[in-house]
PDB file of N, CA and C in Angstrom:
ATOM      1  N   MET A   1      -4.991  15.167  24.794  1.00  0.00           N
ATOM      2  CA  MET A   1      -5.849  14.710  25.769  1.00  0.00           C
ATOM      3  C   MET A   1      -7.485  15.574  26.084  1.00  0.00           C
ATOM      4  N   LYS A   2      -7.945  14.517  26.484  1.00  0.00           N
ATOM      5  CA  LYS A   2      -9.134  14.908  25.933  1.00  0.00           C
ATOM      6  C   LYS A   2      -9.391  15.580  28.101  1.00  0.00           C
ATOM      7  N   PHE A   3     -10.166  16.254  28.059  1.00  0.00           N
ATOM      8  CA  PHE A   3     -10.461  16.867  29.927  1.00  0.00           C
ATOM      9  C   PHE A   3     -11.746  15.794  30.026  1.00  0.00           C
ATOM     10  N   PHE A   4     -11.567  15.159  31.481  1.00  0.00           N
ATOM     11  CA  PHE A   4     -12.567  14.785  32.353  1.00  0.00           C
ATOM     12  C   PHE A   4     -12.858  15.256  33.397  1.00  0.00           C
ATOM     13  N   GLU A   5     -14.229  15.432  33.788  1.00  0.00           N
ATOM     14  CA  GLU A   5     -14.250  15.790  34.872  1.00  0.00           C
ATOM     15  C   GLU A   5     -14.922  14.698  35.829  1.00  0.00           C
ATOM     16  N   THR A   6     -13.915  14.580  36.867  1.00  0.00           N
ATOM     17  CA  THR A   6     -14.028  13.604  38.153  1.00  0.00           C
ATOM     18  C   THR A   6     -14.124  13.699  39.391  1.00  0.00           C
ATOM     19  N   SER A   7     -14.155  13.064  40.526  1.00  0.00           N
ATOM     20  CA  SER A   7     -15.083  13.133  41.396  1.00  0.00           C
ATOM     21  C   SER A   7     -13.693  11.874  42.198  1.00  0.00           C
ATOM     22  N   ALA A   8     -13.005  11.952  43.276  1.00  0.00           N
ATOM     23  CA  ALA A   8     -12.593  11.251  43.531  1.00  0.00           C
ATOM     24  C   ALA A   8     -13.364  10.875  44.975  1.00  0.00           C
ATOM     25  N   LYS A   9     -13.799  12.122  45.710  1.00  0.00           N
ATOM     26  CA  LYS A   9     -14.916  11.771  46.393  1.00  0.00           C
ATOM     27  C   LYS A   9     -16.116  10.984  46.368  1.00  0.00           C
ATOM     28  N   THR A  10     -16.535  10.996  44.952  1.00  0.00           N
ATOM     29  CA  THR A  10     -17.988  10.061  44.886  1.00  0.00           C
ATOM     30  C   THR A  10     -17.419   9.013  43.918  1.00  0.00           C
ATOM     31  N   SER A  11     -16.436   9.036  43.331  1.00  0.00           N
ATOM     32  CA  SER A  11     -15.744   7.686  42.409  1.00  0.00           C
ATOM     33  C   SER A  11     -16.700   7.718  41.188  1.00  0.00           C
ATOM     34  N   SER A  12     -16.827   9.281  40.886  1.00  0.00           N
ATOM     35  CA  SER A  12     -17.462   9.848  39.285  1.00  0.00           C
ATOM     36  C   SER A  12     -16.718   9.798  38.486  1.00  0.00           C
ATOM     37  N   ASN A  13     -16.459   8.663  37.394  1.00  0.00           N
ATOM     38  CA  ASN A  13     -15.725   8.968  36.477  1.00  0.00           C
ATOM     39  C   ASN A  13     -14.825   8.710  36.414  1.00  0.00           C
ATOM     40  N   VAL A  14     -13.944   8.280  37.091  1.00  0.00           N
ATOM     41  CA  VAL A  14     -12.828   8.435  37.744  1.00  0.00           C
ATOM     42  C   VAL A  14     -12.059   6.681  37.209  1.00  0.00           C
ATOM     43  N   GLU A  15     -12.770   5.536  37.024  1.00  0.00           N
ATOM     44  CA  GLU A  15     -12.224   4.630  36.605  1.00  0.00           C
ATOM     45  C   GLU A  15     -12.240   4.570  34.508  1.00  0.00           C
ATOM     46  N   GLU A  16     -13.529   5.351  33.993  1.00  0.00           N
ATOM     47  CA  GLU A  16     -13.662   5.817  32.970  1.00  0.00           C
ATOM     48  C   GLU A  16     -12.362   6.372  32.196  1.00  0.00           C
ATOM     49  N   SER A  17     -12.128   7.917  33.401  1.00  0.00           N
ATOM     50  CA  SER A  17     -11.162   8.596  32.760  1.00  0.00           C
ATOM     51  C   SER A  17      -9.598   7.465  32.296  1.00  0.00           C
ATOM     52  N   PHE A  18      -9.755   6.892  33.873  1.00  0.00           N
ATOM     53  CA  PHE A  18      -8.013   6.377  33.795  1.00  0.00           C
ATOM     54  C   PHE A  18      -8.145   5.183  32.480  1.00  0.00           C
ATOM     55  N   ILE A  19      -9.038   4.845  31.697  1.00  0.00           N
ATOM     56  CA  ILE A  19      -9.560   3.248  30.890  1.00  0.00           C
ATOM     57  C   ILE A  19      -9.187   4.719  29.488  1.00  0.00           C
ATOM     58  N   MET A  20      -9.696   5.622  29.546  1.00  0.00           N
ATOM     59  CA  MET A  20     -10.150   6.632  27.875  1.00  0.00           C
ATOM     60  C   MET A  20      -8.329   7.076  27.940  1.00  0.00           C
ATOM     61  N   MET A  21      -7.688   7.934  29.492  1.00  0.00           N
ATOM     62  CA  MET A  21      -6.411   7.973  28.839  1.00  0.00           C
ATOM     63  C   MET A  21      -5.310   6.659  28.837  1.00  0.00           C
ATOM     64  N   THR A  22      -5.579   5.519  29.100  1.00  0.00           N
ATOM     65  CA  THR A  22      -4.623   4.770  28.687  1.00  0.00           C
ATOM     66  C   THR A  22      -4.618   4.630  27.305  1.00  0.00           C
ATOM     67  N   LYS A  23      -6.028   3.997  26.634  1.00  0.00           N
ATOM     68  CA  LYS A  23      -6.812   4.014  25.447  1.00  0.00           C
ATOM     69  C   LYS A  23      -5.713   5.204  24.701  1.00  0.00           C
ATOM     70  N   GLU A  24      -5.502   6.100  24.698  1.00  0.00           N
ATOM     71  CA  GLU A  24      -5.305   7.453  24.357  1.00  0.00           C
ATOM     72  C   GLU A  24      -3.761   7.383  24.016  1.00  0.00           C
ATOM     73  N   ILE A  25      -2.681   7.089  25.149  1.00  0.00           N
ATOM     74  CA  ILE A  25      -1.622   7.096  25.596  1.00  0.00           C
ATOM     75  C   ILE A  25      -1.373   5.819  24.626  1.00  0.00           C
ATOM     76  N   ILE A  26      -1.822   4.468  24.253  1.00  0.00           N
ATOM     77  CA  ILE A  26      -1.325   3.418  23.914  1.00  0.00           C
ATOM     78  C   ILE A  26      -1.165   3.855  22.284  1.00  0.00           C
ATOM     79  N   SER A  27      -2.740   4.453  21.879  1.00  0.00           N
ATOM     80  CA  SER A  27      -2.884   4.827  20.115  1.00  0.00           C
ATOM     81  C   SER A  27      -2.092   5.816  19.896  1.00  0.00           C
ATOM     82  N   GLN A  28      -1.272   6.826  20.770  1.00  0.00           N
ATOM     83  CA  GLN A  28      -0.443   7.709  20.704  1.00  0.00           C
ATOM     84  C   GLN A  28       0.796   7.201  20.403  1.00  0.00           C
ATOM     85  N   MET A  29       1.288   5.741  21.258  1.00  0.00           N
ATOM     86  CA  MET A  29       2.660   5.266  20.885  1.00  0.00           C
ATOM     87  C   MET A  29       2.493   4.552  20.325  1.00  0.00           C
ATOM     88  N   VAL A  30       1.562   3.682  19.618  1.00  0.00           N
ATOM     89  CA  VAL A  30       1.423   3.188  18.355  1.00  0.00           C
ATOM     90  C   VAL A  30       1.617   3.797  17.029  1.00  0.00           C
ATOM     91  N   GLU A  31       1.040   5.046  17.198  1.00  0.00           N
ATOM     92  CA  GLU A  31       1.581   5.845  15.760  1.00  0.00           C
ATOM     93  C   GLU A  31       2.468   6.659  15.520  1.00  0.00           C
ATOM     94  N   LYS A  32       3.355   6.370  17.071  1.00  0.00           N
ATOM     95  CA  LYS A  32       4.797   7.201  16.973  1.00  0.00           C
ATOM     96  C   LYS A  32       5.836   6.190  16.354  1.00  0.00           C
ATOM     97  N   GLU A  33       5.374   4.802  16.639  1.00  0.00           N
ATOM     98  CA  GLU A  33       5.934   3.777  16.424  1.00  0.00           C
ATOM     99  C   GLU A  33       5.981   3.033  14.940  1.00  0.00           C
ATOM    100  N   LYS A  34       4.555   3.332  14.628  1.00  0.00           N
ATOM    101  CA  LYS A  34       4.422   3.845  12.947  1.00  0.00           C
ATOM    102  C   LYS A  34       5.359   4.607  12.246  1.00  0.00           C
ATOM    103  N   THR A  35       5.181   5.913  12.806  1.00  0.00           N
ATOM    104  CA  THR A  35       6.074   6.821  11.931  1.00  0.00           C
ATOM    105  C   THR A  35       7.846   6.449  12.473  1.00  0.00           C
ATOM    106  N   MET A  36       8.330   6.211  13.113  1.00  0.00           N
ATOM    107  CA  MET A  36       9.618   5.776  13.565  1.00  0.00           C
ATOM    108  C   MET A  36       9.783   4.272  12.016  1.00  0.00           C
ATOM    109  N   SER A  37       9.024   3.699  12.320  1.00  0.00           N
ATOM    110  CA  SER A  37       9.162   2.578  11.063  1.00  0.00           C
ATOM    111  C   SER A  37       8.821   3.239   9.657  1.00  0.00           C
ATOM    112  N   LYS A  38       8.750   3.965   9.771  1.00  0.00           N
ATOM    113  CA  LYS A  38       8.388   4.470   8.505  1.00  0.00           C
ATOM    114  C   LYS A  38       9.681   5.063   7.823  1.00  0.00           C
ATOM    115  N   LYS A  39      10.212   6.427   9.373  1.00  0.00           N
ATOM    116  CA  LYS A  39      11.322   6.983   8.483  1.00  0.00           C
ATOM    117  C   LYS A  39      12.282   5.951   8.179  1.00  0.00           C
ATOM    118  N   GLU A  40      12.812   4.800   9.762  1.00  0.00           N
ATOM    119  CA  GLU A  40      13.678   4.173   9.446  1.00  0.00           C
ATOM    120  C   GLU A  40      13.648   2.928   7.804  1.00  0.00           C
ATOM    121  N   ASN A  41      12.355   2.807   7.566  1.00  0.00           N
ATOM    122  CA  ASN A  41      12.563   1.699   6.062  1.00  0.00           C
ATOM    123  C   ASN A  41      12.930   2.664   4.747  1.00  0.00           C
ATOM    124  N   ASN A  42      11.867   4.215   5.019  1.00  0.00           N
ATOM    125  CA  ASN A  42      12.641   5.363   3.667  1.00  0.00           C
ATOM    126  C   ASN A  42      13.834   5.691   4.008  1.00  0.00           C
ATOM    127  N   GLN A  43      15.328   5.682   5.034  1.00  0.00           N
ATOM    128  CA  GLN A  43      16.459   5.736   5.467  1.00  0.00           C
ATOM    129  C   GLN A  43      17.040   4.703   4.472  1.00  0.00           C
ATOM    130  N   LYS A  44      16.660   3.010   4.853  1.00  0.00           N
ATOM    131  CA  LYS A  44      17.085   2.372   4.264  1.00  0.00           C
ATOM    132  C   LYS A  44      16.975   1.936   2.355  1.00  0.00           C
ATOM    133  N   GLU A  45      15.794   2.710   1.972  1.00  0.00           N
ATOM    134  CA  GLU A  45      15.552   2.146   0.629  1.00  0.00           C
ATOM    135  C   GLU A  45      16.845   3.718  -0.321  1.00  0.00           C
ATOM    136  N   LYS A  46      17.006   4.828   0.512  1.00  0.00           N
ATOM    137  CA  LYS A  46      17.772   5.461  -0.081  1.00  0.00           C
ATOM    138  C   LYS A  46      19.101   5.446  -1.204  1.00  0.00           C
ATOM    139  N   LEU A  47      19.510   5.477  -2.232  1.00  0.00           N
ATOM    140  CA  LEU A  47      20.883   5.389  -2.819  1.00  0.00           C
ATOM    141  C   LEU A  47      21.670   6.319  -2.431  1.00  0.00           C
ATOM    142  N   ASP A  48      22.657   6.286  -1.799  1.00  0.00           N
ATOM    143  CA  ASP A  48      24.215   6.997  -1.467  1.00  0.00           C
ATOM    144  C   ASP A  48      24.770   6.904  -2.629  1.00  0.00           C
ATOM    145  N   LEU A  49      24.286   8.060  -3.470  1.00  0.00           N
ATOM    146  CA  LEU A  49      25.386   8.218  -4.627  1.00  0.00           C
ATOM    147  C   LEU A  49      26.795   8.776  -4.541  1.00  0.00           C
ATOM    148  N   LYS A  50      27.385   8.719  -2.732  1.00  0.00           N
ATOM    149  CA  LYS A  50      28.908   9.362  -3.021  1.00  0.00           C
ATOM    150  C   LYS A  50      29.466   7.864  -2.914  1.00  0.00           C
ATOM    151  N   LYS A  51      28.530   7.093  -2.484  1.00  0.00           N
ATOM    152  CA  LYS A  51      29.424   5.630  -2.202  1.00  0.00           C
ATOM    153  C   LYS A  51      29.695   5.072  -3.834  1.00  0.00           C
ATOM    154  N   PRO A  52      30.765   4.164  -4.206  1.00  0.00           N
ATOM    155  CA  PRO A  52      30.783   3.032  -5.610  1.00  0.00           C
ATOM    156  C   PRO A  52      29.777   2.249  -5.344  1.00  0.00           C
ATOM    157  N   GLN A  53      28.931   2.314  -6.157  1.00  0.00           N
ATOM    158  CA  GLN A  53      27.847   0.564  -6.288  1.00  0.00           C
ATOM    159  C   GLN A  53      28.723  -0.324  -6.550  1.00  0.00           C
ATOM    160  N   ILE A  54      29.558   0.293  -7.461  1.00  0.00           N
ATOM    161  CA  ILE A  54      30.095  -1.118  -8.083  1.00  0.00           C
ATOM    162  C   ILE A  54      31.867  -1.652  -8.113  1.00  0.00           C
ATOM    163  N   LYS A  55      32.306  -2.494  -7.595  1.00  0.00           N
ATOM    164  CA  LYS A  55      33.447  -2.843  -7.297  1.00  0.00           C
ATOM    165  C   LYS A  55      34.430  -3.269  -8.710  1.00  0.00           C
ATOM    166  N   LEU A  56      35.586  -2.522  -9.247  1.00  0.00           N
ATOM    167  CA  LEU A  56      35.888  -3.205 -10.412  1.00  0.00           C
ATOM    168  C   LEU A  56      37.229  -3.897  -9.830  1.00  0.00           C
ATOM    169  N   ASP A  57      37.529  -4.667 -10.441  1.00  0.00           N
ATOM    170  CA  ASP A  57      38.436  -5.559 -10.046  1.00  0.00           C
ATOM    171  C   ASP A  57      39.796  -4.766 -10.857  1.00  0.00           C
ATOM    172  N   SER A  58      41.211  -5.236 -10.164  1.00  0.00           N
ATOM    173  CA  SER A  58      42.193  -4.329 -10.626  1.00  0.00           C
ATOM    174  C   SER A  58      42.574  -4.983 -12.043  1.00  0.00           C
ATOM    175  N   GLU A  59      42.598  -6.135 -12.241  1.00  0.00           N
ATOM    176  CA  GLU A  59      42.329  -7.005 -13.421  1.00  0.00           C
ATOM    177  C   GLU A  59      41.422  -6.987 -14.772  1.00  0.00           C
ATOM    178  N   THR A  60      39.743  -6.302 -14.427  1.00  0.00           N
ATOM    179  CA  THR A  60      39.585  -6.311 -15.457  1.00  0.00           C
ATOM    180  C   THR A  60      39.832  -5.360 -16.566  1.00  0.00           C
ATOM    181  N   LYS A  61      40.308  -5.603 -17.617  1.00  0.00           N
ATOM    182  CA  LYS A  61      40.917  -4.491 -18.916  1.00  0.00           C
ATOM    183  C   LYS A  61      39.766  -3.883 -19.091  1.00  0.00           C
ATOM    184  N   CYS A  62      38.867  -3.625 -18.592  1.00  0.00           N
ATOM    185  CA  CYS A  62      37.217  -2.608 -19.108  1.00  0.00           C
ATOM    186  C   CYS A  62      38.437  -0.478 -19.616  1.00  0.00           C
ATOM    187  N   CYS A  63      38.484  -0.699 -20.653  1.00  0.00           N
ATOM    188  CA  CYS A  63      38.124   0.755 -21.191  1.00  0.00           C
ATOM    189  C   CYS A  63      39.949   1.098 -20.842  1.00  0.00           C
ATOM    190  N   LYS A  64      40.939   0.428 -21.282  1.00  0.00           N
ATOM    191  CA  LYS A  64      42.666   0.768 -21.387  1.00  0.00           C
ATOM    192  C   LYS A  64      42.680   1.017 -22.655  1.00  0.00           C
TER     193      LYS A  64
END
């Protein structure tokens, strides 16, 4: 966050500071959402080598 010098007494930079803080917060939230979305997509694309990927039918006469 940036530092803002404000004065409630003279109303100096009060509105500007709120606008800038709001923009910064929204920007951080969007970036966090993008990061979380990328992590979820990466997890979905991974192949679990511990699980069999092909189910063999018991009637298949392969390798007998």
